[in-house]
Amino acid sequence: MAGKFEVYRDKSEKYRFRLKAGNGEIIAVGEAYESKASCMNGIESVKANAASAPVVEKEPTP
């Protein structure tokens, strides 16, 4: 089974999304959006940018 994005409203009635892996595990969550359209734009941004995004390892700040 492939992963999927789920769009939902939180307790504050804001729109959010979560990305679930094929096994149902949540692997990413989005910020709170005022409108469903903005939430959908956030999903599209993740889709467009994630595949080519570099992995950067950050060292802890002392």
PDB file of N, CA and C in Angstrom:
ATOM      1  N   MET A   1       0.847  -1.193   0.000  1.00  0.00           N
ATOM      2  CA  MET A   1       0.000   0.000   0.000  1.00  0.00           C
ATOM      3  C   MET A   1       0.885   1.247   0.000  1.00  0.00           C
ATOM      4  N   ALA A   2       0.520   2.219  -0.786  1.00  0.00           N
ATOM      5  CA  ALA A   2       1.283   3.458  -0.891  1.00  0.00           C
ATOM      6  C   ALA A   2       0.946   4.411   0.253  1.00  0.00           C
ATOM      7  N   GLY A   3       1.829   5.357   0.480  1.00  0.00           N
ATOM      8  CA  GLY A   3       1.571   6.387   1.481  1.00  0.00           C
ATOM      9  C   GLY A   3       0.452   7.307   1.041  1.00  0.00           C
ATOM     10  N   LYS A   4      -0.001   8.138   1.978  1.00  0.00           N
ATOM     11  CA  LYS A   4      -1.080   9.078   1.645  1.00  0.00           C
ATOM     12  C   LYS A   4      -1.003  10.299   2.549  1.00  0.00           C
ATOM     13  N   PHE A   5      -1.520  11.400   2.036  1.00  0.00           N
ATOM     14  CA  PHE A   5      -1.694  12.617   2.822  1.00  0.00           C
ATOM     15  C   PHE A   5      -3.110  12.617   3.373  1.00  0.00           C
ATOM     16  N   GLU A   6      -3.266  12.928   4.636  1.00  0.00           N
ATOM     17  CA  GLU A   6      -4.585  13.108   5.244  1.00  0.00           C
ATOM     18  C   GLU A   6      -4.744  14.566   5.643  1.00  0.00           C
ATOM     19  N   VAL A   7      -5.865  15.155   5.276  1.00  0.00           N
ATOM     20  CA  VAL A   7      -6.190  16.533   5.643  1.00  0.00           C
ATOM     21  C   VAL A   7      -7.279  16.465   6.709  1.00  0.00           C
ATOM     22  N   TYR A   8      -7.093  17.238   7.773  1.00  0.00           N
ATOM     23  CA  TYR A   8      -8.070  17.214   8.868  1.00  0.00           C
ATOM     24  C   TYR A   8      -8.092  18.571   9.572  1.00  0.00           C
ATOM     25  N   ARG A   9      -9.097  18.760  10.426  1.00  0.00           N
ATOM     26  CA  ARG A   9      -9.200  19.970  11.240  1.00  0.00           C
ATOM     27  C   ARG A   9      -8.835  19.615  12.675  1.00  0.00           C
ATOM     28  N   ASP A  10      -8.005  20.464  13.277  1.00  0.00           N
ATOM     29  CA  ASP A  10      -7.576  20.211  14.649  1.00  0.00           C
ATOM     30  C   ASP A  10      -8.587  20.787  15.645  1.00  0.00           C
ATOM     31  N   LYS A  11      -8.258  20.732  16.924  1.00  0.00           N
ATOM     32  CA  LYS A  11      -9.170  21.210  17.969  1.00  0.00           C
ATOM     33  C   LYS A  11      -9.455  22.697  17.860  1.00  0.00           C
ATOM     34  N   SER A  12      -8.548  23.447  17.226  1.00  0.00           N
ATOM     35  CA  SER A  12      -8.729  24.893  17.029  1.00  0.00           C
ATOM     36  C   SER A  12      -9.427  25.204  15.715  1.00  0.00           C
ATOM     37  N   GLU A  13      -9.905  24.161  15.033  1.00  0.00           N
ATOM     38  CA  GLU A  13     -10.583  24.284  13.735  1.00  0.00           C
ATOM     39  C   GLU A  13      -9.655  24.768  12.614  1.00  0.00           C
ATOM     40  N   LYS A  14      -8.350  24.586  12.798  1.00  0.00           N
ATOM     41  CA  LYS A  14      -7.370  24.896  11.744  1.00  0.00           C
ATOM     42  C   LYS A  14      -7.185  23.638  10.904  1.00  0.00           C
ATOM     43  N   TYR A  15      -6.813  23.836   9.650  1.00  0.00           N
ATOM     44  CA  TYR A  15      -6.547  22.717   8.754  1.00  0.00           C
ATOM     45  C   TYR A  15      -5.106  22.272   8.909  1.00  0.00           C
ATOM     46  N   ARG A  16      -4.901  20.977   8.923  1.00  0.00           N
ATOM     47  CA  ARG A  16      -3.572  20.383   9.018  1.00  0.00           C
ATOM     48  C   ARG A  16      -3.512  19.185   8.081  1.00  0.00           C
ATOM     49  N   PHE A  17      -2.278  18.771   7.792  1.00  0.00           N
ATOM     50  CA  PHE A  17      -2.116  17.525   7.056  1.00  0.00           C
ATOM     51  C   PHE A  17      -1.074  16.672   7.746  1.00  0.00           C
ATOM     52  N   ARG A  18      -1.199  15.380   7.503  1.00  0.00           N
ATOM     53  CA  ARG A  18      -0.170  14.442   7.942  1.00  0.00           C
ATOM     54  C   ARG A  18       0.081  13.490   6.781  1.00  0.00           C
ATOM     55  N   LEU A  19       1.327  13.075   6.675  1.00  0.00           N
ATOM     56  CA  LEU A  19       1.717  12.109   5.657  1.00  0.00           C
ATOM     57  C   LEU A  19       1.899  10.773   6.351  1.00  0.00           C
ATOM     58  N   LYS A  20       1.185   9.777   5.861  1.00  0.00           N
ATOM     59  CA  LYS A  20       1.269   8.443   6.440  1.00  0.00           C
ATOM     60  C   LYS A  20       1.949   7.499   5.452  1.00  0.00           C
ATOM     61  N   ALA A  21       2.821   6.655   6.000  1.00  0.00           N
ATOM     62  CA  ALA A  21       3.471   5.623   5.194  1.00  0.00           C
ATOM     63  C   ALA A  21       2.446   4.538   4.856  1.00  0.00           C
ATOM     64  N   GLY A  22       2.820   3.628   3.991  1.00  0.00           N
ATOM     65  CA  GLY A  22       1.932   2.545   3.586  1.00  0.00           C
ATOM     66  C   GLY A  22       1.463   1.678   4.741  1.00  0.00           C
ATOM     67  N   ASN A  23       2.270   1.617   5.818  1.00  0.00           N
ATOM     68  CA  ASN A  23       1.883   0.817   6.979  1.00  0.00           C
ATOM     69  C   ASN A  23       1.028   1.598   7.976  1.00  0.00           C
ATOM     70  N   GLY A  24       0.675   2.847   7.641  1.00  0.00           N
ATOM     71  CA  GLY A  24      -0.176   3.666   8.499  1.00  0.00           C
ATOM     72  C   GLY A  24       0.567   4.548   9.482  1.00  0.00           C
ATOM     73  N   GLU A  25       1.890   4.413   9.550  1.00  0.00           N
ATOM     74  CA  GLU A  25       2.691   5.225  10.473  1.00  0.00           C
ATOM     75  C   GLU A  25       2.776   6.666   9.976  1.00  0.00           C
ATOM     76  N   ILE A  26       2.578   7.620  10.883  1.00  0.00           N
ATOM     77  CA  ILE A  26       2.701   9.034  10.540  1.00  0.00           C
ATOM     78  C   ILE A  26       4.185   9.354  10.406  1.00  0.00           C
ATOM     79  N   ILE A  27       4.577   9.882   9.237  1.00  0.00           N
ATOM     80  CA  ILE A  27       5.979  10.188   8.999  1.00  0.00           C
ATOM     81  C   ILE A  27       6.248  11.676   8.824  1.00  0.00           C
ATOM     82  N   ALA A  28       5.208  12.483   8.696  1.00  0.00           N
ATOM     83  CA  ALA A  28       5.373  13.941   8.614  1.00  0.00           C
ATOM     84  C   ALA A  28       4.043  14.605   8.941  1.00  0.00           C
ATOM     85  N   VAL A  29       4.125  15.806   9.518  1.00  0.00           N
ATOM     86  CA  VAL A  29       2.927  16.598   9.804  1.00  0.00           C
ATOM     87  C   VAL A  29       3.159  18.038   9.362  1.00  0.00           C
ATOM     88  N   GLY A  30       2.096  18.667   8.946  1.00  0.00           N
ATOM     89  CA  GLY A  30       2.178  20.051   8.510  1.00  0.00           C
ATOM     90  C   GLY A  30       1.764  21.006   9.612  1.00  0.00           C
ATOM     91  N   GLU A  31       2.013  22.274   9.366  1.00  0.00           N
ATOM     92  CA  GLU A  31       1.618  23.327  10.298  1.00  0.00           C
ATOM     93  C   GLU A  31       0.111  23.548  10.238  1.00  0.00           C
ATOM     94  N   ALA A  32      -0.389  24.434  11.062  1.00  0.00           N
ATOM     95  CA  ALA A  32      -1.815  24.784  11.060  1.00  0.00           C
ATOM     96  C   ALA A  32      -2.072  25.847   9.994  1.00  0.00           C
ATOM     97  N   TYR A  33      -3.113  25.641   9.210  1.00  0.00           N
ATOM     98  CA  TYR A  33      -3.503  26.567   8.144  1.00  0.00           C
ATOM     99  C   TYR A  33      -4.901  27.087   8.418  1.00  0.00           C
ATOM    100  N   GLU A  34      -5.136  28.327   8.049  1.00  0.00           N
ATOM    101  CA  GLU A  34      -6.449  28.945   8.224  1.00  0.00           C
ATOM    102  C   GLU A  34      -7.479  28.399   7.240  1.00  0.00           C
ATOM    103  N   SER A  35      -7.038  28.054   6.046  1.00  0.00           N
ATOM    104  CA  SER A  35      -7.980  27.586   5.030  1.00  0.00           C
ATOM    105  C   SER A  35      -7.548  26.239   4.468  1.00  0.00           C
ATOM    106  N   LYS A  36      -8.508  25.513   3.945  1.00  0.00           N
ATOM    107  CA  LYS A  36      -8.216  24.223   3.327  1.00  0.00           C
ATOM    108  C   LYS A  36      -7.339  24.415   2.100  1.00  0.00           C
ATOM    109  N   ALA A  37      -7.579  25.481   1.345  1.00  0.00           N
ATOM    110  CA  ALA A  37      -6.777  25.754   0.152  1.00  0.00           C
ATOM    111  C   ALA A  37      -5.300  25.946   0.514  1.00  0.00           C
ATOM    112  N   SER A  38      -5.033  26.656   1.595  1.00  0.00           N
ATOM    113  CA  SER A  38      -3.651  26.853   2.035  1.00  0.00           C
ATOM    114  C   SER A  38      -3.024  25.529   2.456  1.00  0.00           C
ATOM    115  N   CYS A  39      -3.789  24.699   3.111  1.00  0.00           N
ATOM    116  CA  CYS A  39      -3.313  23.382   3.515  1.00  0.00           C
ATOM    117  C   CYS A  39      -2.962  22.549   2.278  1.00  0.00           C
ATOM    118  N   MET A  40      -3.812  22.585   1.283  1.00  0.00           N
ATOM    119  CA  MET A  40      -3.553  21.844   0.055  1.00  0.00           C
ATOM    120  C   MET A  40      -2.299  22.366  -0.646  1.00  0.00           C
ATOM    121  N   ASN A  41      -2.081  23.684  -0.588  1.00  0.00           N
ATOM    122  CA  ASN A  41      -0.858  24.263  -1.152  1.00  0.00           C
ATOM    123  C   ASN A  41       0.368  23.764  -0.397  1.00  0.00           C
ATOM    124  N   GLY A  42       0.251  23.616   0.912  1.00  0.00           N
ATOM    125  CA  GLY A  42       1.336  23.072   1.717  1.00  0.00           C
ATOM    126  C   GLY A  42       1.682  21.655   1.290  1.00  0.00           C
ATOM    127  N   ILE A  43       0.678  20.847   1.034  1.00  0.00           N
ATOM    128  CA  ILE A  43       0.896  19.475   0.561  1.00  0.00           C
ATOM    129  C   ILE A  43       1.608  19.494  -0.787  1.00  0.00           C
ATOM    130  N   GLU A  44       1.157  20.341  -1.686  1.00  0.00           N
ATOM    131  CA  GLU A  44       1.777  20.431  -3.008  1.00  0.00           C
ATOM    132  C   GLU A  44       3.237  20.872  -2.894  1.00  0.00           C
ATOM    133  N   SER A  45       3.527  21.754  -1.959  1.00  0.00           N
ATOM    134  CA  SER A  45       4.901  22.195  -1.742  1.00  0.00           C
ATOM    135  C   SER A  45       5.782  21.035  -1.279  1.00  0.00           C
ATOM    136  N   VAL A  46       5.260  20.231  -0.368  1.00  0.00           N
ATOM    137  CA  VAL A  46       6.017  19.057   0.092  1.00  0.00           C
ATOM    138  C   VAL A  46       6.253  18.110  -1.080  1.00  0.00           C
ATOM    139  N   LYS A  47       5.234  17.862  -1.859  1.00  0.00           N
ATOM    140  CA  LYS A  47       5.380  16.962  -3.002  1.00  0.00           C
ATOM    141  C   LYS A  47       6.436  17.473  -3.986  1.00  0.00           C
ATOM    142  N   ALA A  48       6.433  18.770  -4.240  1.00  0.00           N
ATOM    143  CA  ALA A  48       7.343  19.347  -5.226  1.00  0.00           C
ATOM    144  C   ALA A  48       8.781  19.420  -4.723  1.00  0.00           C
ATOM    145  N   ASN A  49       8.977  19.626  -3.432  1.00  0.00           N
ATOM    146  CA  ASN A  49      10.314  19.877  -2.914  1.00  0.00           C
ATOM    147  C   ASN A  49      10.990  18.701  -2.238  1.00  0.00           C
ATOM    148  N   ALA A  50      10.231  17.757  -1.752  1.00  0.00           N
ATOM    149  CA  ALA A  50      10.812  16.675  -0.945  1.00  0.00           C
ATOM    150  C   ALA A  50      11.756  15.775  -1.738  1.00  0.00           C
ATOM    151  N   ALA A  51      11.403  15.448  -2.953  1.00  0.00           N
ATOM    152  CA  ALA A  51      12.206  14.486  -3.717  1.00  0.00           C
ATOM    153  C   ALA A  51      13.626  14.981  -3.984  1.00  0.00           C
ATOM    154  N   SER A  52      13.797  16.278  -4.145  1.00  0.00           N
ATOM    155  CA  SER A  52      15.123  16.815  -4.467  1.00  0.00           C
ATOM    156  C   SER A  52      15.793  17.522  -3.286  1.00  0.00           C
ATOM    157  N   ALA A  53      15.160  17.495  -2.129  1.00  0.00           N
ATOM    158  CA  ALA A  53      15.724  18.177  -0.964  1.00  0.00           C
ATOM    159  C   ALA A  53      16.931  17.410  -0.427  1.00  0.00           C
ATOM    160  N   PRO A  54      18.028  18.131  -0.159  1.00  0.00           N
ATOM    161  CA  PRO A  54      19.196  17.449   0.397  1.00  0.00           C
ATOM    162  C   PRO A  54      18.969  17.080   1.865  1.00  0.00           C
ATOM    163  N   VAL A  55      19.699  16.108   2.331  1.00  0.00           N
ATOM    164  CA  VAL A  55      19.684  15.734   3.746  1.00  0.00           C
ATOM    165  C   VAL A  55      20.867  16.453   4.394  1.00  0.00           C
ATOM    166  N   VAL A  56      20.578  17.261   5.410  1.00  0.00           N
ATOM    167  CA  VAL A  56      21.610  18.032   6.087  1.00  0.00           C
ATOM    168  C   VAL A  56      21.605  17.636   7.554  1.00  0.00           C
ATOM    169  N   GLU A  57      22.748  17.176   8.037  1.00  0.00           N
ATOM    170  CA  GLU A  57      22.860  16.788   9.435  1.00  0.00           C
ATOM    171  C   GLU A  57      23.330  17.987  10.244  1.00  0.00           C
ATOM    172  N   LYS A  58      22.579  18.334  11.273  1.00  0.00           N
ATOM    173  CA  LYS A  58      22.907  19.473  12.111  1.00  0.00           C
ATOM    174  C   LYS A  58      23.525  18.987  13.406  1.00  0.00           C
ATOM    175  N   GLU A  59      24.567  19.670  13.822  1.00  0.00           N
ATOM    176  CA  GLU A  59      25.198  19.385  15.104  1.00  0.00           C
ATOM    177  C   GLU A  59      24.468  20.167  16.184  1.00  0.00           C
ATOM    178  N   PRO A  60      24.364  19.622  17.382  1.00  0.00           N
ATOM    179  CA  PRO A  60      23.715  20.359  18.476  1.00  0.00           C
ATOM    180  C   PRO A  60      24.451  21.661  18.779  1.00  0.00           C
ATOM    181  N   THR A  61      23.693  22.681  19.100  1.00  0.00           N
ATOM    182  CA  THR A  61      24.283  23.962  19.483  1.00  0.00           C
ATOM    183  C   THR A  61      24.718  23.872  20.944  1.00  0.00           C
ATOM    184  N   PRO A  62      25.987  24.226  21.213  1.00  0.00           N
ATOM    185  CA  PRO A  62      26.462  24.144  22.609  1.00  0.00           C
ATOM    186  C   PRO A  62      25.775  25.129  23.523  1.00  0.00           C
TER     187      PRO A  62
END
